[in-house]
Amino acid sequence: MWSYSFHRFIDRAAYEAAIAALGWGRGAPTHRVALDVVGAIYTDGAVVGEDPDIGEDIQEQIPVPGWHVNAAWRGIEMPPVFADARVYPETPTREFAGVAP
């Protein structure tokens, strides 16, 4: 059974240093860990205008601080560096739909 967790590192360099310290290189070391490196996340802010071509509102894209990584663990404990970076989003999801900033 997989358990899922969500993590926010200060920045990409902090994430890369964390996995390097674990000896993981550029990603998860085993079939018992899955990492989804999301990176920067942007959220919709206030409406800033209207698209004259299609008549829809345009919302400002606001960056969420940090470097975001979703993880799945199967039969192993979460390393302390991931536990320290763990966050609990209001609406956790592993669904991705990128929007260019």
PDB file of N, CA and C in Angstrom:
ATOM      1  N   MET A   1       0.836  -1.173   0.000  1.00  0.00           N
ATOM      2  CA  MET A   1       0.000   0.000   0.000  1.00  0.00           C
ATOM      3  C   MET A   1       0.889   1.248   0.000  1.00  0.00           C
ATOM      4  N   TRP A   2       0.551   2.182  -0.847  1.00  0.00           N
ATOM      5  CA  TRP A   2       1.296   3.429  -0.956  1.00  0.00           C
ATOM      6  C   TRP A   2       0.728   4.468   0.014  1.00  0.00           C
ATOM      7  N   SER A   3       1.602   5.271   0.599  1.00  0.00           N
ATOM      8  CA  SER A   3       1.147   6.441   1.361  1.00  0.00           C
ATOM      9  C   SER A   3       1.705   7.676   0.663  1.00  0.00           C
ATOM     10  N   TYR A   4       0.871   8.693   0.561  1.00  0.00           N
ATOM     11  CA  TYR A   4       1.218   9.892  -0.194  1.00  0.00           C
ATOM     12  C   TYR A   4       1.502  11.050   0.746  1.00  0.00           C
ATOM     13  N   SER A   5       2.435  11.883   0.329  1.00  0.00           N
ATOM     14  CA  SER A   5       2.754  13.073   1.110  1.00  0.00           C
ATOM     15  C   SER A   5       3.150  14.195   0.164  1.00  0.00           C
ATOM     16  N   PHE A   6       3.095  15.407   0.679  1.00  0.00           N
ATOM     17  CA  PHE A   6       3.363  16.599  -0.102  1.00  0.00           C
ATOM     18  C   PHE A   6       4.437  17.409   0.614  1.00  0.00           C
ATOM     19  N   HIS A   7       5.358  17.959  -0.160  1.00  0.00           N
ATOM     20  CA  HIS A   7       6.530  18.610   0.427  1.00  0.00           C
ATOM     21  C   HIS A   7       6.821  19.926  -0.262  1.00  0.00           C
ATOM     22  N   ARG A   8       7.307  20.887   0.533  1.00  0.00           N
ATOM     23  CA  ARG A   8       7.705  22.186  -0.008  1.00  0.00           C
ATOM     24  C   ARG A   8       9.089  22.506   0.533  1.00  0.00           C
ATOM     25  N   PHE A   9      10.069  22.480  -0.365  1.00  0.00           N
ATOM     26  CA  PHE A   9      11.425  22.867  -0.023  1.00  0.00           C
ATOM     27  C   PHE A   9      11.575  24.364  -0.285  1.00  0.00           C
ATOM     28  N   ILE A  10      12.566  24.991   0.310  1.00  0.00           N
ATOM     29  CA  ILE A  10      12.759  26.441   0.147  1.00  0.00           C
ATOM     30  C   ILE A  10      12.912  26.802  -1.322  1.00  0.00           C
ATOM     31  N   ASP A  11      13.698  26.018  -2.049  1.00  0.00           N
ATOM     32  CA  ASP A  11      13.894  26.250  -3.476  1.00  0.00           C
ATOM     33  C   ASP A  11      14.419  24.966  -4.107  1.00  0.00           C
ATOM     34  N   ARG A  12      14.656  25.009  -5.409  1.00  0.00           N
ATOM     35  CA  ARG A  12      15.122  23.820  -6.124  1.00  0.00           C
ATOM     36  C   ARG A  12      16.466  23.328  -5.595  1.00  0.00           C
ATOM     37  N   ALA A  13      17.358  24.260  -5.287  1.00  0.00           N
ATOM     38  CA  ALA A  13      18.677  23.880  -4.772  1.00  0.00           C
ATOM     39  C   ALA A  13      18.558  23.127  -3.450  1.00  0.00           C
ATOM     40  N   ALA A  14      17.630  23.539  -2.589  1.00  0.00           N
ATOM     41  CA  ALA A  14      17.431  22.848  -1.307  1.00  0.00           C
ATOM     42  C   ALA A  14      16.926  21.426  -1.529  1.00  0.00           C
ATOM     43  N   TYR A  15      16.023  21.250  -2.487  1.00  0.00           N
ATOM     44  CA  TYR A  15      15.526  19.916  -2.814  1.00  0.00           C
ATOM     45  C   TYR A  15      16.656  19.045  -3.353  1.00  0.00           C
ATOM     46  N   GLU A  16      17.422  19.579  -4.294  1.00  0.00           N
ATOM     47  CA  GLU A  16      18.515  18.801  -4.883  1.00  0.00           C
ATOM     48  C   GLU A  16      19.582  18.454  -3.849  1.00  0.00           C
ATOM     49  N   ALA A  17      19.846  19.360  -2.918  1.00  0.00           N
ATOM     50  CA  ALA A  17      20.794  19.066  -1.841  1.00  0.00           C
ATOM     51  C   ALA A  17      20.252  17.961  -0.938  1.00  0.00           C
ATOM     52  N   ALA A  18      18.939  17.975  -0.688  1.00  0.00           N
ATOM     53  CA  ALA A  18      18.322  16.957   0.169  1.00  0.00           C
ATOM     54  C   ALA A  18      18.435  15.574  -0.446  1.00  0.00           C
ATOM     55  N   ILE A  19      18.124  15.439  -1.735  1.00  0.00           N
ATOM     56  CA  ILE A  19      18.194  14.108  -2.334  1.00  0.00           C
ATOM     57  C   ILE A  19      19.641  13.674  -2.542  1.00  0.00           C
ATOM     58  N   ALA A  20      20.533  14.628  -2.751  1.00  0.00           N
ATOM     59  CA  ALA A  20      21.956  14.276  -2.864  1.00  0.00           C
ATOM     60  C   ALA A  20      22.481  13.763  -1.524  1.00  0.00           C
ATOM     61  N   ALA A  21      22.059  14.393  -0.427  1.00  0.00           N
ATOM     62  CA  ALA A  21      22.486  13.954   0.903  1.00  0.00           C
ATOM     63  C   ALA A  21      21.981  12.551   1.217  1.00  0.00           C
ATOM     64  N   LEU A  22      20.838  12.179   0.623  1.00  0.00           N
ATOM     65  CA  LEU A  22      20.302  10.833   0.799  1.00  0.00           C
ATOM     66  C   LEU A  22      20.976   9.826  -0.133  1.00  0.00           C
ATOM     67  N   GLY A  23      21.816  10.343  -1.053  1.00  0.00           N
ATOM     68  CA  GLY A  23      22.472   9.472  -2.023  1.00  0.00           C
ATOM     69  C   GLY A  23      21.558   9.064  -3.162  1.00  0.00           C
ATOM     70  N   TRP A  24      20.531   9.864  -3.415  1.00  0.00           N
ATOM     71  CA  TRP A  24      19.550   9.508  -4.427  1.00  0.00           C
ATOM     72  C   TRP A  24      19.883  10.029  -5.811  1.00  0.00           C
ATOM     73  N   GLY A  25      20.882  10.862  -5.949  1.00  0.00           N
ATOM     74  CA  GLY A  25      21.186  11.403  -7.274  1.00  0.00           C
ATOM     75  C   GLY A  25      20.101  12.354  -7.727  1.00  0.00           C
ATOM     76  N   ARG A  26      19.454  12.057  -8.857  1.00  0.00           N
ATOM     77  CA  ARG A  26      18.438  12.960  -9.414  1.00  0.00           C
ATOM     78  C   ARG A  26      17.008  12.511  -9.122  1.00  0.00           C
ATOM     79  N   GLY A  27      16.815  11.476  -8.339  1.00  0.00           N
ATOM     80  CA  GLY A  27      15.446  11.043  -8.077  1.00  0.00           C
ATOM     81  C   GLY A  27      15.389   9.918  -7.083  1.00  0.00           C
ATOM     82  N   ALA A  28      14.257   9.257  -7.033  1.00  0.00           N
ATOM     83  CA  ALA A  28      14.028   8.181  -6.072  1.00  0.00           C
ATOM     84  C   ALA A  28      14.904   6.974  -6.393  1.00  0.00           C
ATOM     85  N   PRO A  29      15.410   6.310  -5.371  1.00  0.00           N
ATOM     86  CA  PRO A  29      16.376   5.233  -5.563  1.00  0.00           C
ATOM     87  C   PRO A  29      15.777   3.860  -5.817  1.00  0.00           C
ATOM     88  N   THR A  30      14.502   3.686  -5.637  1.00  0.00           N
ATOM     89  CA  THR A  30      13.925   2.351  -5.602  1.00  0.00           C
ATOM     90  C   THR A  30      12.474   2.374  -6.063  1.00  0.00           C
ATOM     91  N   HIS A  31      11.959   1.228  -6.355  1.00  0.00           N
ATOM     92  CA  HIS A  31      10.555   1.102  -6.738  1.00  0.00           C
ATOM     93  C   HIS A  31       9.609   1.346  -5.563  1.00  0.00           C
ATOM     94  N   ARG A  32      10.162   1.541  -4.364  1.00  0.00           N
ATOM     95  CA  ARG A  32       9.331   1.776  -3.181  1.00  0.00           C
ATOM     96  C   ARG A  32       9.157   3.261  -2.863  1.00  0.00           C
ATOM     97  N   VAL A  33       9.696   4.114  -3.719  1.00  0.00           N
ATOM     98  CA  VAL A  33       9.534   5.563  -3.570  1.00  0.00           C
ATOM     99  C   VAL A  33       9.215   6.142  -4.942  1.00  0.00           C
ATOM    100  N   ALA A  34       8.206   7.003  -5.004  1.00  0.00           N
ATOM    101  CA  ALA A  34       7.892   7.708  -6.248  1.00  0.00           C
ATOM    102  C   ALA A  34       7.852   9.202  -5.946  1.00  0.00           C
ATOM    103  N   LEU A  35       8.588   9.968  -6.730  1.00  0.00           N
ATOM    104  CA  LEU A  35       8.617  11.418  -6.548  1.00  0.00           C
ATOM    105  C   LEU A  35       8.046  12.100  -7.778  1.00  0.00           C
ATOM    106  N   ASP A  36       7.117  12.990  -7.558  1.00  0.00           N
ATOM    107  CA  ASP A  36       6.604  13.866  -8.608  1.00  0.00           C
ATOM    108  C   ASP A  36       7.148  15.253  -8.306  1.00  0.00           C
ATOM    109  N   VAL A  37       8.161  15.667  -9.051  1.00  0.00           N
ATOM    110  CA  VAL A  37       8.749  16.980  -8.829  1.00  0.00           C
ATOM    111  C   VAL A  37       7.889  18.000  -9.570  1.00  0.00           C
ATOM    112  N   VAL A  38       7.093  18.712  -8.811  1.00  0.00           N
ATOM    113  CA  VAL A  38       6.174  19.688  -9.380  1.00  0.00           C
ATOM    114  C   VAL A  38       6.912  20.992  -9.662  1.00  0.00           C
ATOM    115  N   GLY A  39       7.792  21.377  -8.761  1.00  0.00           N
ATOM    116  CA  GLY A  39       8.540  22.619  -8.930  1.00  0.00           C
ATOM    117  C   GLY A  39       7.719  23.814  -8.493  1.00  0.00           C
ATOM    118  N   ALA A  40       7.731  24.850  -9.321  1.00  0.00           N
ATOM    119  CA  ALA A  40       6.993  26.071  -8.993  1.00  0.00           C
ATOM    120  C   ALA A  40       5.507  25.852  -9.216  1.00  0.00           C
ATOM    121  N   ILE A  41       4.715  26.410  -8.321  1.00  0.00           N
ATOM    122  CA  ILE A  41       3.262  26.344  -8.440  1.00  0.00           C
ATOM    123  C   ILE A  41       2.738  27.778  -8.487  1.00  0.00           C
ATOM    124  N   TYR A  42       1.764  27.979  -9.346  1.00  0.00           N
ATOM    125  CA  TYR A  42       1.114  29.283  -9.440  1.00  0.00           C
ATOM    126  C   TYR A  42      -0.361  29.097  -9.165  1.00  0.00           C
ATOM    127  N   THR A  43      -0.939  30.056  -8.477  1.00  0.00           N
ATOM    128  CA  THR A  43      -2.357  30.010  -8.174  1.00  0.00           C
ATOM    129  C   THR A  43      -3.024  31.265  -8.729  1.00  0.00           C
ATOM    130  N   ASP A  44      -4.284  31.159  -9.036  1.00  0.00           N
ATOM    131  CA  ASP A  44      -5.011  32.309  -9.553  1.00  0.00           C
ATOM    132  C   ASP A  44      -5.261  33.316  -8.443  1.00  0.00           C
ATOM    133  N   GLY A  45      -4.980  34.569  -8.750  1.00  0.00           N
ATOM    134  CA  GLY A  45      -5.258  35.644  -7.811  1.00  0.00           C
ATOM    135  C   GLY A  45      -6.476  36.423  -8.257  1.00  0.00           C
ATOM    136  N   ALA A  46      -6.409  37.716  -8.088  1.00  0.00           N
ATOM    137  CA  ALA A  46      -7.527  38.582  -8.448  1.00  0.00           C
ATOM    138  C   ALA A  46      -7.659  38.702  -9.960  1.00  0.00           C
ATOM    139  N   VAL A  47      -8.853  38.976 -10.403  1.00  0.00           N
ATOM    140  CA  VAL A  47      -9.091  39.238 -11.820  1.00  0.00           C
ATOM    141  C   VAL A  47      -8.407  40.557 -12.168  1.00  0.00           C
ATOM    142  N   VAL A  48      -7.607  40.539 -13.232  1.00  0.00           N
ATOM    143  CA  VAL A  48      -6.857  41.735 -13.611  1.00  0.00           C
ATOM    144  C   VAL A  48      -7.331  42.344 -14.920  1.00  0.00           C
ATOM    145  N   GLY A  49      -8.332  41.764 -15.536  1.00  0.00           N
ATOM    146  CA  GLY A  49      -8.835  42.330 -16.781  1.00  0.00           C
ATOM    147  C   GLY A  49      -9.664  41.316 -17.539  1.00  0.00           C
ATOM    148  N   GLU A  50      -9.934  41.645 -18.790  1.00  0.00           N
ATOM    149  CA  GLU A  50     -10.713  40.755 -19.634  1.00  0.00           C
ATOM    150  C   GLU A  50      -9.999  40.579 -20.960  1.00  0.00           C
ATOM    151  N   ASP A  51     -10.005  39.346 -21.455  1.00  0.00           N
ATOM    152  CA  ASP A  51      -9.402  39.055 -22.757  1.00  0.00           C
ATOM    153  C   ASP A  51     -10.344  39.583 -23.833  1.00  0.00           C
ATOM    154  N   PRO A  52      -9.912  40.594 -24.599  1.00  0.00           N
ATOM    155  CA  PRO A  52     -10.818  41.178 -25.592  1.00  0.00           C
ATOM    156  C   PRO A  52     -11.183  40.217 -26.719  1.00  0.00           C
ATOM    157  N   ASP A  53     -10.351  39.198 -26.959  1.00  0.00           N
ATOM    158  CA  ASP A  53     -10.627  38.271 -28.057  1.00  0.00           C
ATOM    159  C   ASP A  53     -11.689  37.243 -27.705  1.00  0.00           C
ATOM    160  N   ILE A  54     -11.692  36.790 -26.465  1.00  0.00           N
ATOM    161  CA  ILE A  54     -12.660  35.737 -26.104  1.00  0.00           C
ATOM    162  C   ILE A  54     -13.629  36.166 -25.003  1.00  0.00           C
ATOM    163  N   GLY A  55     -13.422  37.353 -24.459  1.00  0.00           N
ATOM    164  CA  GLY A  55     -14.365  37.881 -23.479  1.00  0.00           C
ATOM    165  C   GLY A  55     -14.343  37.191 -22.137  1.00  0.00           C
ATOM    166  N   GLU A  56     -13.236  36.537 -21.789  1.00  0.00           N
ATOM    167  CA  GLU A  56     -13.138  35.885 -20.484  1.00  0.00           C
ATOM    168  C   GLU A  56     -12.209  36.679 -19.575  1.00  0.00           C
ATOM    169  N   ASP A  57     -12.486  36.567 -18.283  1.00  0.00           N
ATOM    170  CA  ASP A  57     -11.645  37.253 -17.311  1.00  0.00           C
ATOM    171  C   ASP A  57     -10.236  36.665 -17.317  1.00  0.00           C
ATOM    172  N   ILE A  58      -9.257  37.530 -17.090  1.00  0.00           N
ATOM    173  CA  ILE A  58      -7.861  37.117 -16.947  1.00  0.00           C
ATOM    174  C   ILE A  58      -7.511  37.272 -15.475  1.00  0.00           C
ATOM    175  N   GLN A  59      -6.996  36.205 -14.883  1.00  0.00           N
ATOM    176  CA  GLN A  59      -6.596  36.272 -13.485  1.00  0.00           C
ATOM    177  C   GLN A  59      -5.082  36.312 -13.393  1.00  0.00           C
ATOM    178  N   GLU A  60      -4.616  37.074 -12.431  1.00  0.00           N
ATOM    179  CA  GLU A  60      -3.182  37.162 -12.169  1.00  0.00           C
ATOM    180  C   GLU A  60      -2.689  35.824 -11.609  1.00  0.00           C
ATOM    181  N   GLN A  61      -1.568  35.343 -12.111  1.00  0.00           N
ATOM    182  CA  GLN A  61      -0.966  34.114 -11.594  1.00  0.00           C
ATOM    183  C   GLN A  61      -0.001  34.484 -10.467  1.00  0.00           C
ATOM    184  N   ILE A  62      -0.249  33.965  -9.281  1.00  0.00           N
ATOM    185  CA  ILE A  62       0.553  34.291  -8.102  1.00  0.00           C
ATOM    186  C   ILE A  62       1.392  33.071  -7.734  1.00  0.00           C
ATOM    187  N   PRO A  63       2.725  33.232  -7.622  1.00  0.00           N
ATOM    188  CA  PRO A  63       3.552  32.075  -7.253  1.00  0.00           C
ATOM    189  C   PRO A  63       3.350  31.684  -5.790  1.00  0.00           C
ATOM    190  N   VAL A  64       3.275  30.379  -5.554  1.00  0.00           N
ATOM    191  CA  VAL A  64       3.245  29.838  -4.194  1.00  0.00           C
ATOM    192  C   VAL A  64       4.708  29.610  -3.814  1.00  0.00           C
ATOM    193  N   PRO A  65       5.173  30.150  -2.691  1.00  0.00           N
ATOM    194  CA  PRO A  65       6.594  30.035  -2.353  1.00  0.00           C
ATOM    195  C   PRO A  65       7.071  28.583  -2.291  1.00  0.00           C
ATOM    196  N   GLY A  66       8.303  28.364  -2.691  1.00  0.00           N
ATOM    197  CA  GLY A  66       8.944  27.074  -2.525  1.00  0.00           C
ATOM    198  C   GLY A  66       9.043  26.235  -3.782  1.00  0.00           C
ATOM    199  N   TRP A  67       9.652  25.059  -3.613  1.00  0.00           N
ATOM    200  CA  TRP A  67       9.830  24.057  -4.664  1.00  0.00           C
ATOM    201  C   TRP A  67       9.045  22.833  -4.205  1.00  0.00           C
ATOM    202  N   HIS A  68       8.040  22.474  -4.959  1.00  0.00           N
ATOM    203  CA  HIS A  68       7.051  21.498  -4.515  1.00  0.00           C
ATOM    204  C   HIS A  68       7.324  20.101  -5.087  1.00  0.00           C
ATOM    205  N   VAL A  69       7.195  19.115  -4.202  1.00  0.00           N
ATOM    206  CA  VAL A  69       7.425  17.716  -4.570  1.00  0.00           C
ATOM    207  C   VAL A  69       6.341  16.872  -3.915  1.00  0.00           C
ATOM    208  N   ASN A  70       5.668  16.068  -4.714  1.00  0.00           N
ATOM    209  CA  ASN A  70       4.730  15.088  -4.186  1.00  0.00           C
ATOM    210  C   ASN A  70       5.472  13.758  -4.103  1.00  0.00           C
ATOM    211  N   ALA A  71       5.203  12.994  -3.065  1.00  0.00           N
ATOM    212  CA  ALA A  71       5.909  11.726  -2.883  1.00  0.00           C
ATOM    213  C   ALA A  71       4.937  10.609  -2.540  1.00  0.00           C
ATOM    214  N   ALA A  72       5.344   9.407  -2.874  1.00  0.00           N
ATOM    215  CA  ALA A  72       4.608   8.209  -2.486  1.00  0.00           C
ATOM    216  C   ALA A  72       5.622   7.232  -1.907  1.00  0.00           C
ATOM    217  N   TRP A  73       5.265   6.620  -0.813  1.00  0.00           N
ATOM    218  CA  TRP A  73       6.160   5.723  -0.079  1.00  0.00           C
ATOM    219  C   TRP A  73       5.466   4.371   0.070  1.00  0.00           C
ATOM    220  N   ARG A  74       6.213   3.300  -0.155  1.00  0.00           N
ATOM    221  CA  ARG A  74       5.640   1.961   0.013  1.00  0.00           C
ATOM    222  C   ARG A  74       6.601   1.105   0.829  1.00  0.00           C
ATOM    223  N   GLY A  75       6.229   0.872   2.075  1.00  0.00           N
ATOM    224  CA  GLY A  75       6.986  -0.024   2.930  1.00  0.00           C
ATOM    225  C   GLY A  75       8.302   0.534   3.455  1.00  0.00           C
ATOM    226  N   ILE A  76       8.509   1.835   3.356  1.00  0.00           N
ATOM    227  CA  ILE A  76       9.703   2.450   3.933  1.00  0.00           C
ATOM    228  C   ILE A  76       9.283   3.718   4.670  1.00  0.00           C
ATOM    229  N   GLU A  77      10.114   4.130   5.604  1.00  0.00           N
ATOM    230  CA  GLU A  77       9.832   5.357   6.332  1.00  0.00           C
ATOM    231  C   GLU A  77      10.295   6.559   5.537  1.00  0.00           C
ATOM    232  N   MET A  78       9.584   7.644   5.700  1.00  0.00           N
ATOM    233  CA  MET A  78       9.944   8.896   5.056  1.00  0.00           C
ATOM    234  C   MET A  78      11.245   9.406   5.684  1.00  0.00           C
ATOM    235  N   PRO A  79      12.237   9.771   4.870  1.00  0.00           N
ATOM    236  CA  PRO A  79      13.476  10.313   5.429  1.00  0.00           C
ATOM    237  C   PRO A  79      13.204  11.633   6.173  1.00  0.00           C
ATOM    238  N   PRO A  80      13.978  11.919   7.219  1.00  0.00           N
ATOM    239  CA  PRO A  80      13.754  13.143   8.000  1.00  0.00           C
ATOM    240  C   PRO A  80      13.753  14.428   7.163  1.00  0.00           C
ATOM    241  N   VAL A  81      14.591  14.497   6.146  1.00  0.00           N
ATOM    242  CA  VAL A  81      14.635  15.718   5.331  1.00  0.00           C
ATOM    243  C   VAL A  81      13.307  15.941   4.600  1.00  0.00           C
ATOM    244  N   PHE A  82      12.619  14.868   4.241  1.00  0.00           N
ATOM    245  CA  PHE A  82      11.295  15.000   3.634  1.00  0.00           C
ATOM    246  C   PHE A  82      10.247  15.300   4.706  1.00  0.00           C
ATOM    247  N   ALA A  83      10.390  14.701   5.875  1.00  0.00           N
ATOM    248  CA  ALA A  83       9.455  14.982   6.966  1.00  0.00           C
ATOM    249  C   ALA A  83       9.521  16.460   7.361  1.00  0.00           C
ATOM    250  N   ASP A  84      10.714  17.031   7.358  1.00  0.00           N
ATOM    251  CA  ASP A  84      10.883  18.446   7.707  1.00  0.00           C
ATOM    252  C   ASP A  84      10.249  19.366   6.672  1.00  0.00           C
ATOM    253  N   ALA A  85      10.161  18.924   5.427  1.00  0.00           N
ATOM    254  CA  ALA A  85       9.609  19.747   4.346  1.00  0.00           C
ATOM    255  C   ALA A  85       8.144  19.429   4.062  1.00  0.00           C
ATOM    256  N   ARG A  86       7.546  18.572   4.868  1.00  0.00           N
ATOM    257  CA  ARG A  86       6.172  18.128   4.599  1.00  0.00           C
ATOM    258  C   ARG A  86       5.176  19.261   4.828  1.00  0.00           C
ATOM    259  N   VAL A  87       4.198  19.339   3.935  1.00  0.00           N
ATOM    260  CA  VAL A  87       3.101  20.299   4.060  1.00  0.00           C
ATOM    261  C   VAL A  87       1.795  19.542   3.916  1.00  0.00           C
ATOM    262  N   TYR A  88       0.734  20.171   4.361  1.00  0.00           N
ATOM    263  CA  TYR A  88      -0.589  19.560   4.317  1.00  0.00           C
ATOM    264  C   TYR A  88      -1.531  20.497   3.561  1.00  0.00           C
ATOM    265  N   PRO A  89      -1.576  20.381   2.231  1.00  0.00           N
ATOM    266  CA  PRO A  89      -2.434  21.288   1.459  1.00  0.00           C
ATOM    267  C   PRO A  89      -3.909  21.070   1.761  1.00  0.00           C
ATOM    268  N   GLU A  90      -4.686  22.136   1.596  1.00  0.00           N
ATOM    269  CA  GLU A  90      -6.130  22.040   1.835  1.00  0.00           C
ATOM    270  C   GLU A  90      -6.788  21.066   0.872  1.00  0.00           C
ATOM    271  N   THR A  91      -6.334  21.064  -0.358  1.00  0.00           N
ATOM    272  CA  THR A  91      -6.908  20.189  -1.376  1.00  0.00           C
ATOM    273  C   THR A  91      -5.786  19.390  -2.043  1.00  0.00           C
ATOM    274  N   PRO A  92      -5.253  18.383  -1.359  1.00  0.00           N
ATOM    275  CA  PRO A  92      -4.146  17.622  -1.918  1.00  0.00           C
ATOM    276  C   PRO A  92      -4.559  16.851  -3.177  1.00  0.00           C
ATOM    277  N   THR A  93      -3.684  16.822  -4.156  1.00  0.00           N
ATOM    278  CA  THR A  93      -3.971  16.108  -5.378  1.00  0.00           C
ATOM    279  C   THR A  93      -2.681  15.733  -6.080  1.00  0.00           C
ATOM    280  N   ARG A  94      -2.723  14.672  -6.854  1.00  0.00           N
ATOM    281  CA  ARG A  94      -1.599  14.293  -7.698  1.00  0.00           C
ATOM    282  C   ARG A  94      -1.970  14.558  -9.147  1.00  0.00           C
ATOM    283  N   GLU A  95      -2.930  15.415  -9.367  1.00  0.00           N
ATOM    284  CA  GLU A  95      -3.392  15.761 -10.702  1.00  0.00           C
ATOM    285  C   GLU A  95      -2.640  17.016 -11.163  1.00  0.00           C
ATOM    286  N   PHE A  96      -2.129  16.976 -12.383  1.00  0.00           N
ATOM    287  CA  PHE A  96      -1.322  18.096 -12.874  1.00  0.00           C
ATOM    288  C   PHE A  96      -1.965  18.721 -14.094  1.00  0.00           C
ATOM    289  N   ALA A  97      -1.993  20.017 -14.104  1.00  0.00           N
ATOM    290  CA  ALA A  97      -2.450  20.776 -15.262  1.00  0.00           C
ATOM    291  C   ALA A  97      -1.680  22.085 -15.245  1.00  0.00           C
ATOM    292  N   GLY A  98      -0.583  22.137 -15.947  1.00  0.00           N
ATOM    293  CA  GLY A  98       0.296  23.291 -15.893  1.00  0.00           C
ATOM    294  C   GLY A  98      -0.259  24.496 -16.625  1.00  0.00           C
ATOM    295  N   VAL A  99      -0.006  25.645 -16.053  1.00  0.00           N
ATOM    296  CA  VAL A  99      -0.353  26.907 -16.674  1.00  0.00           C
ATOM    297  C   VAL A  99       0.916  27.744 -16.710  1.00  0.00           C
ATOM    298  N   ALA A 100       1.260  28.252 -17.873  1.00  0.00           N
ATOM    299  CA  ALA A 100       2.466  29.070 -17.985  1.00  0.00           C
ATOM    300  C   ALA A 100       2.305  30.345 -17.182  1.00  0.00           C
ATOM    301  N   PRO A 101       3.335  30.717 -16.430  1.00  0.00           N
ATOM    302  CA  PRO A 101       3.240  31.958 -15.648  1.00  0.00           C
ATOM    303  C   PRO A 101       3.247  33.177 -16.552  1.00  0.00           C
TER     304      PRO A 101
END
